[in-house]
Each structure stands twice: as structure tokens, then as C-alpha cells.
Amino acid sequence: MDIFLYIIIFIIGTLFGSFFTLAIYRIPLKQDITHKRSYCPNCNHQLSFLDMLPILSYIFLKGKCRYCGQKIRPRYLILEILSGIVFVLFAMSIKLNVFTTNISTLVYFVFGLIYIATLFIIAGIDKENHKIEKSVLLFGYIMQAIYIIYLYIVEKDPNVYRYVIYLIIVLALVLINTFYLRKKTKNSYVVDILLLCIMFLMFTYEAISILTIDFTLLTIAISLIAEKLLSVNKKEEKGEEKKPIPIGFYLCITNIICLIISNYYIFF
């Protein structure tokens, strides 16, 4: 019976993955992500239902737009598949099943998926634009606030006061960024990274957040070394600017991995 549950979760994950690609493209452009119909970014033709089936549409259309023939970037297919896999791994990591799952685990599962979805979107936007989108961060904090209220009222969580401390720190950072840093510099990337790390602390606790930062630094170091080795035999063009490191992207992906692995340790 559990296999059918995980198949459904995988399908839900691919649907979310399809939404992620839309959100990552539209949010930086300040476009609506809920009511406006999906369209081809090349010919602007509105897509039909059959054009938006996760994974299947890409395969049947052979990676091309049905209307203009423009190639669809493989990242759309990859993100849909990865989203499905991550959703299933998260469900398996908390031993989600049909017969023995209780309300507490189910609520954690739902808010965990929302948390992972938030990180996916933040990571995608940062990878493409080197920017932590504040509206997505705000959404993540609102969802966490709702979960904290649930923990306090329903489950009587004794650790709820730690969340209040982190929320006070968040408020302080926002005020500093709004009334001081914006006058000094237009780039608030460092503050946004700090706000992202506090979101890690609130949902995945201190140990996992520290592991996230450690493994992120290691991953960035390895990627820089690999990039340097690959560019040894390549001539760099004059005036070519190096792309800044998308720290938020690495942090989000690493935190998702650490969260799933730690759940396996806790629940098993």
C-alpha cells in the first residue's frame, strides 16, 4: 500500500517542480504566479493542459515548444524529476505510511514540504539572478510562524520560546537593513543570507543548520577548485566578468539534504 502513497507523493512533487520553474522565472520579473496562465517565454503562446504535464509533456514534445519549435531547457525536466524524488525521500525519512502515521507527523510532513518548496524557489532564483527574493523569504517565515503557533497550541512544545528569540533577531536585521544599510548600499545580499540561515535555525534546529553551513563552505570550495582546474586549459576572454557565487543556492540545497538525512537518523 505504501508504494501507491509514494507514487502519489512523487506525482505531487513533479507538479510542484513544474510550479518551481514558473515561480523562478516570474518572481524576479514581478509577474503573477497564481492567476496568469503559463506561456512560452519565446513566442508568448499560452500553454494548454497537455503542454504542462510534468515530465510527460517534455518527453512527448521532444523538448520543444509545440507552437514555435523553440527548445525547452532541460533544467525544467531535471527540476521536475528532482522535486518528485526529494518529496518521496522526505516522506520516507519520516516513515510516512498509510496505517501508522499520526496527525503530528502528517502536519510536520505538510509544513516540511512547504519549507522545501520555499528553499527550491529561493535556490533557483539565486542561481539565476544572484538574489535572495525577499517575498519568498517572507512567505517562508509566515508558514513557519503558522507552524510555531500549531506547536505551541496543539503540541505544547516547550521549545517554542527559542522561535521567539529568532523572530526578534529577524526583526532586528530587517530594521537595520531598512533604515541603515539601504542608505549605505543597494546590495543587501549578506543580510538576506543571514535571514535565510535564521530560517534554517527555526525549522531544522541548530545542529542541522551548522552542518548546512559547514557542508556549503566545503561544496563551494570544491566547486571553485574544480572550476579552476577546468579553466586551466581555456583562455579567458578579456573583460569577461566572473559570476558571483550563489551562496543562497548552495545553502538551500545543502539544507534540504541535511534535513532528509537527519530525519532518517531521528525517525529510524
Protein backbone atom coordinates (compact mmCIF):
# COMPACT_ATOMS: atom_id res chain seq x y z
CA MET A 1 0.00 0.00 0.00
CA ASP A 2 2.87 2.39 0.82
CA ILE A 3 4.20 2.14 -2.75
CA PHE A 4 1.00 3.76 -4.04
CA LEU A 5 1.34 6.51 -1.43
CA TYR A 6 4.90 7.24 -2.54
CA ILE A 7 3.85 7.24 -6.21
CA ILE A 8 1.22 9.86 -5.39
CA ILE A 9 3.79 11.90 -3.45
CA PHE A 10 6.21 11.66 -6.41
CA ILE A 11 3.50 12.96 -8.77
CA ILE A 12 2.74 15.81 -6.35
CA GLY A 13 6.47 16.56 -6.25
CA THR A 14 6.68 16.77 -10.05
CA LEU A 15 3.69 19.13 -10.07
CA PHE A 16 5.48 21.32 -7.54
CA GLY A 17 8.61 21.09 -9.70
CA SER A 18 6.65 22.41 -12.66
CA PHE A 19 5.44 25.28 -10.47
CA PHE A 20 9.00 25.96 -9.29
CA THR A 21 10.17 26.61 -12.85
CA LEU A 22 7.33 29.08 -13.31
CA ALA A 23 7.99 30.83 -9.99
CA ILE A 24 11.76 31.04 -10.55
CA TYR A 25 11.17 32.72 -13.92
CA ARG A 26 8.33 35.05 -12.97
CA ILE A 27 9.04 36.25 -9.42
CA PRO A 28 12.18 38.27 -10.34
CA LEU A 29 10.14 39.85 -13.18
CA LYS A 30 7.37 40.78 -10.70
CA GLN A 31 4.84 38.72 -12.68
CA ASP A 32 1.81 36.96 -11.21
CA ILE A 33 2.47 33.30 -10.39
CA THR A 34 -1.03 32.17 -9.40
CA HIS A 35 -3.62 33.56 -11.82
CA LYS A 36 -1.76 34.25 -15.06
CA ARG A 37 -1.78 31.30 -17.47
CA SER A 38 1.52 29.61 -18.30
CA TYR A 39 3.05 30.66 -21.61
CA CYS A 40 6.09 30.01 -23.78
CA PRO A 41 8.74 32.65 -22.92
CA ASN A 42 9.84 32.67 -26.57
CA CYS A 43 6.56 33.06 -28.53
CA ASN A 44 4.29 34.04 -25.57
CA HIS A 45 1.67 31.49 -26.67
CA GLN A 46 -0.48 30.28 -23.77
CA LEU A 47 0.14 26.64 -22.98
CA SER A 48 -2.63 24.06 -22.91
CA PHE A 49 -3.14 21.40 -20.25
CA LEU A 50 -1.32 18.80 -22.37
CA ASP A 51 1.68 21.13 -22.66
CA MET A 52 2.13 21.31 -18.88
CA LEU A 53 2.09 17.68 -17.77
CA PRO A 54 5.25 17.24 -15.66
CA ILE A 55 7.92 15.08 -17.32
CA LEU A 56 5.46 13.60 -19.87
CA SER A 57 4.98 16.84 -21.84
CA TYR A 58 8.73 17.33 -22.18
CA ILE A 59 9.15 13.76 -23.46
CA PHE A 60 6.21 13.80 -25.88
CA LEU A 61 7.12 17.25 -27.23
CA LYS A 62 10.77 16.12 -27.57
CA GLY A 63 11.95 19.09 -25.53
CA LYS A 64 10.47 21.70 -27.87
CA CYS A 65 7.61 24.21 -27.74
CA ARG A 66 4.57 22.87 -29.62
CA TYR A 67 3.88 26.31 -31.15
CA CYS A 68 7.23 27.87 -32.10
CA GLY A 69 9.59 24.89 -32.01
CA GLN A 70 11.94 26.60 -29.55
CA LYS A 71 13.98 24.15 -27.48
CA ILE A 72 12.91 23.86 -23.86
CA ARG A 73 15.80 23.97 -21.42
CA PRO A 74 16.49 20.53 -19.88
CA ARG A 75 16.55 22.10 -16.42
CA TYR A 76 12.72 22.08 -16.45
CA LEU A 77 12.67 18.30 -16.79
CA ILE A 78 15.51 17.87 -14.28
CA LEU A 79 13.80 20.09 -11.69
CA GLU A 80 10.51 18.20 -12.03
CA ILE A 81 12.22 14.83 -11.56
CA LEU A 82 14.35 16.06 -8.66
CA SER A 83 11.33 17.60 -6.93
CA GLY A 84 9.47 14.30 -7.14
CA ILE A 85 12.46 12.39 -5.78
CA VAL A 86 13.05 14.88 -2.92
CA PHE A 87 9.38 14.78 -1.89
CA VAL A 88 9.48 10.96 -1.76
CA LEU A 89 12.77 10.91 0.16
CA PHE A 90 11.37 13.37 2.68
CA ALA A 91 8.25 11.21 3.15
CA MET A 92 10.40 8.10 3.57
CA SER A 93 12.72 9.90 6.00
CA ILE A 94 9.85 10.42 8.48
CA LYS A 95 8.43 6.90 7.92
CA LEU A 96 5.22 8.24 6.41
CA ASN A 97 2.79 5.41 5.74
CA VAL A 98 -0.91 4.79 5.34
CA PHE A 99 -1.66 2.90 8.56
CA THR A 100 0.51 4.25 11.37
CA THR A 101 1.04 7.94 10.57
CA ASN A 102 -0.37 10.24 13.25
CA ILE A 103 -1.59 13.83 12.99
CA SER A 104 1.68 15.27 14.33
CA THR A 105 3.75 13.51 11.66
CA LEU A 106 1.28 14.48 8.94
CA VAL A 107 1.37 18.16 9.94
CA TYR A 108 5.18 18.08 10.02
CA PHE A 109 5.15 16.45 6.58
CA VAL A 110 2.92 19.18 5.09
CA PHE A 111 4.90 22.06 6.57
CA GLY A 112 8.14 20.27 5.67
CA LEU A 113 7.10 20.14 2.02
CA ILE A 114 6.19 23.83 2.11
CA TYR A 115 9.59 24.57 3.66
CA ILE A 116 11.39 22.51 0.98
CA ALA A 117 9.34 24.20 -1.77
CA THR A 118 10.37 27.61 -0.40
CA LEU A 119 14.04 26.59 -0.47
CA PHE A 120 13.73 25.27 -4.02
CA ILE A 121 12.40 28.62 -5.25
CA ILE A 122 14.98 30.66 -3.30
CA ALA A 123 17.77 28.43 -4.65
CA GLY A 124 16.55 28.70 -8.26
CA ILE A 125 16.24 32.47 -8.20
CA ASP A 126 19.64 32.89 -6.55
CA LYS A 127 21.25 30.56 -9.11
CA GLU A 128 19.84 32.59 -12.00
CA ASN A 129 19.96 36.12 -10.60
CA HIS A 130 22.29 36.05 -7.55
CA LYS A 131 19.47 37.40 -5.41
CA ILE A 132 17.57 36.20 -2.37
CA GLU A 133 13.99 37.11 -3.16
CA LYS A 134 12.53 38.81 -0.07
CA SER A 135 8.93 37.95 -0.94
CA VAL A 136 9.78 34.23 -0.92
CA LEU A 137 11.67 34.62 2.37
CA LEU A 138 8.64 36.38 3.83
CA PHE A 139 6.38 33.54 2.69
CA GLY A 140 8.72 31.05 4.36
CA TYR A 141 8.63 32.97 7.64
CA ILE A 142 4.83 33.26 7.57
CA MET A 143 4.49 29.49 7.08
CA GLN A 144 6.94 28.86 9.91
CA ALA A 145 5.01 31.26 12.16
CA ILE A 146 1.82 29.26 11.50
CA TYR A 147 3.67 26.03 12.31
CA ILE A 148 5.07 27.55 15.51
CA ILE A 149 1.55 28.56 16.59
CA TYR A 150 0.41 24.98 15.94
CA LEU A 151 3.29 23.58 18.01
CA TYR A 152 2.53 25.95 20.88
CA ILE A 153 -1.26 25.48 20.98
CA VAL A 154 -1.72 21.86 19.94
CA GLU A 155 1.50 20.04 20.85
CA LYS A 156 2.53 22.26 23.78
CA ASP A 157 6.12 22.41 22.51
CA PRO A 158 8.36 23.58 25.40
CA ASN A 159 10.96 24.89 22.94
CA VAL A 160 8.61 27.45 21.43
CA TYR A 161 10.45 30.33 23.12
CA ARG A 162 13.56 29.70 21.01
CA TYR A 163 11.46 30.63 17.98
CA VAL A 164 10.56 33.94 19.59
CA ILE A 165 14.27 34.73 20.05
CA TYR A 166 14.96 34.02 16.38
CA LEU A 167 11.98 36.13 15.29
CA ILE A 168 13.33 39.05 17.35
CA ILE A 169 16.72 38.66 15.60
CA VAL A 170 14.92 38.61 12.23
CA LEU A 171 13.03 41.79 13.11
CA ALA A 172 16.29 43.48 14.17
CA LEU A 173 18.01 42.52 10.90
CA VAL A 174 15.06 43.77 8.85
CA LEU A 175 15.05 47.10 10.70
CA ILE A 176 18.82 47.51 10.29
CA ASN A 177 18.56 46.70 6.60
CA THR A 178 15.59 49.03 6.06
CA PHE A 179 16.74 52.10 7.95
CA TYR A 180 20.54 51.88 7.74
CA LEU A 181 22.05 49.55 5.17
CA ARG A 182 19.82 50.67 2.30
CA LYS A 183 21.19 54.18 2.71
CA LYS A 184 24.76 52.89 2.56
CA THR A 185 24.46 50.27 -0.16
CA LYS A 186 21.84 48.90 -2.55
CA ASN A 187 23.07 45.33 -2.16
CA SER A 188 21.62 43.59 0.91
CA TYR A 189 22.73 40.09 -0.14
CA VAL A 190 24.66 39.46 3.10
CA VAL A 191 21.67 40.39 5.27
CA ASP A 192 19.40 38.21 3.12
CA ILE A 193 21.80 35.27 3.59
CA LEU A 194 21.64 35.82 7.37
CA LEU A 195 17.84 35.86 7.24
CA LEU A 196 17.93 32.63 5.23
CA CYS A 197 20.21 31.00 7.82
CA ILE A 198 17.85 32.02 10.62
CA MET A 199 15.02 30.35 8.71
CA PHE A 200 17.17 27.19 8.73
CA LEU A 201 17.61 27.53 12.50
CA MET A 202 13.89 27.84 13.09
CA PHE A 203 12.85 24.76 11.11
CA THR A 204 15.86 22.44 11.18
CA TYR A 205 17.39 23.47 14.55
CA GLU A 206 20.94 24.45 15.36
CA ALA A 207 22.86 21.22 14.68
CA ILE A 208 21.50 20.76 11.17
CA SER A 209 21.95 24.46 10.40
CA ILE A 210 25.61 24.30 11.45
CA LEU A 211 26.11 21.20 9.31
CA THR A 212 24.43 23.02 6.44
CA ILE A 213 26.86 25.93 6.66
CA ASP A 214 29.88 23.62 7.01
CA PHE A 215 28.95 21.45 4.02
CA THR A 216 28.04 24.54 1.99
CA LEU A 217 31.51 26.02 2.53
CA LEU A 218 33.05 22.66 1.60
CA THR A 219 30.89 22.38 -1.53
CA ILE A 220 31.74 25.91 -2.65
CA ALA A 221 35.46 25.25 -2.08
CA ILE A 222 35.32 22.04 -4.13
CA SER A 223 33.36 23.71 -6.94
CA LEU A 224 35.85 26.62 -7.08
CA ILE A 225 38.79 24.20 -7.24
CA ALA A 226 37.08 22.17 -9.97
CA GLU A 227 36.26 25.34 -11.91
CA LYS A 228 39.87 26.48 -11.63
CA LEU A 229 41.20 23.13 -12.84
CA LEU A 230 38.78 23.08 -15.79
CA SER A 231 39.74 26.61 -16.81
CA VAL A 232 43.50 25.92 -16.86
CA ASN A 233 43.45 24.91 -20.50
CA LYS A 234 40.92 27.53 -21.51
CA LYS A 235 41.79 31.06 -22.48
CA GLU A 236 39.68 33.55 -20.61
CA GLU A 237 38.32 36.39 -22.71
CA LYS A 238 39.45 39.88 -21.79
CA GLY A 239 36.88 41.82 -19.82
CA GLU A 240 34.90 38.68 -19.01
CA GLU A 241 33.39 39.04 -15.57
CA LYS A 242 33.26 36.09 -13.24
CA LYS A 243 29.79 35.28 -11.98
CA PRO A 244 29.35 35.79 -8.24
CA ILE A 245 28.93 32.67 -6.13
CA PRO A 246 25.24 31.90 -5.47
CA ILE A 247 25.71 31.23 -1.77
CA GLY A 248 21.96 31.04 -1.17
CA PHE A 249 21.65 28.30 -3.81
CA TYR A 250 24.29 26.15 -2.14
CA LEU A 251 22.84 26.78 1.32
CA CYS A 252 19.30 25.79 0.32
CA ILE A 253 20.29 22.59 -1.49
CA THR A 254 22.63 21.54 1.32
CA ASN A 255 19.99 22.25 3.97
CA ILE A 256 17.43 20.06 2.16
CA ILE A 257 19.94 17.20 2.03
CA CYS A 258 20.92 17.61 5.70
CA LEU A 259 17.24 17.77 6.73
CA ILE A 260 16.37 14.50 4.98
CA ILE A 261 19.45 12.68 6.28
CA SER A 262 18.86 13.87 9.85
CA ASN A 263 15.21 12.73 9.67
CA TYR A 264 16.40 9.24 8.80
CA TYR A 265 18.57 9.33 11.93
CA ILE A 266 15.76 10.70 14.17
CA PHE A 267 12.79 8.66 12.93
CA PHE A 268 14.61 5.38 12.44
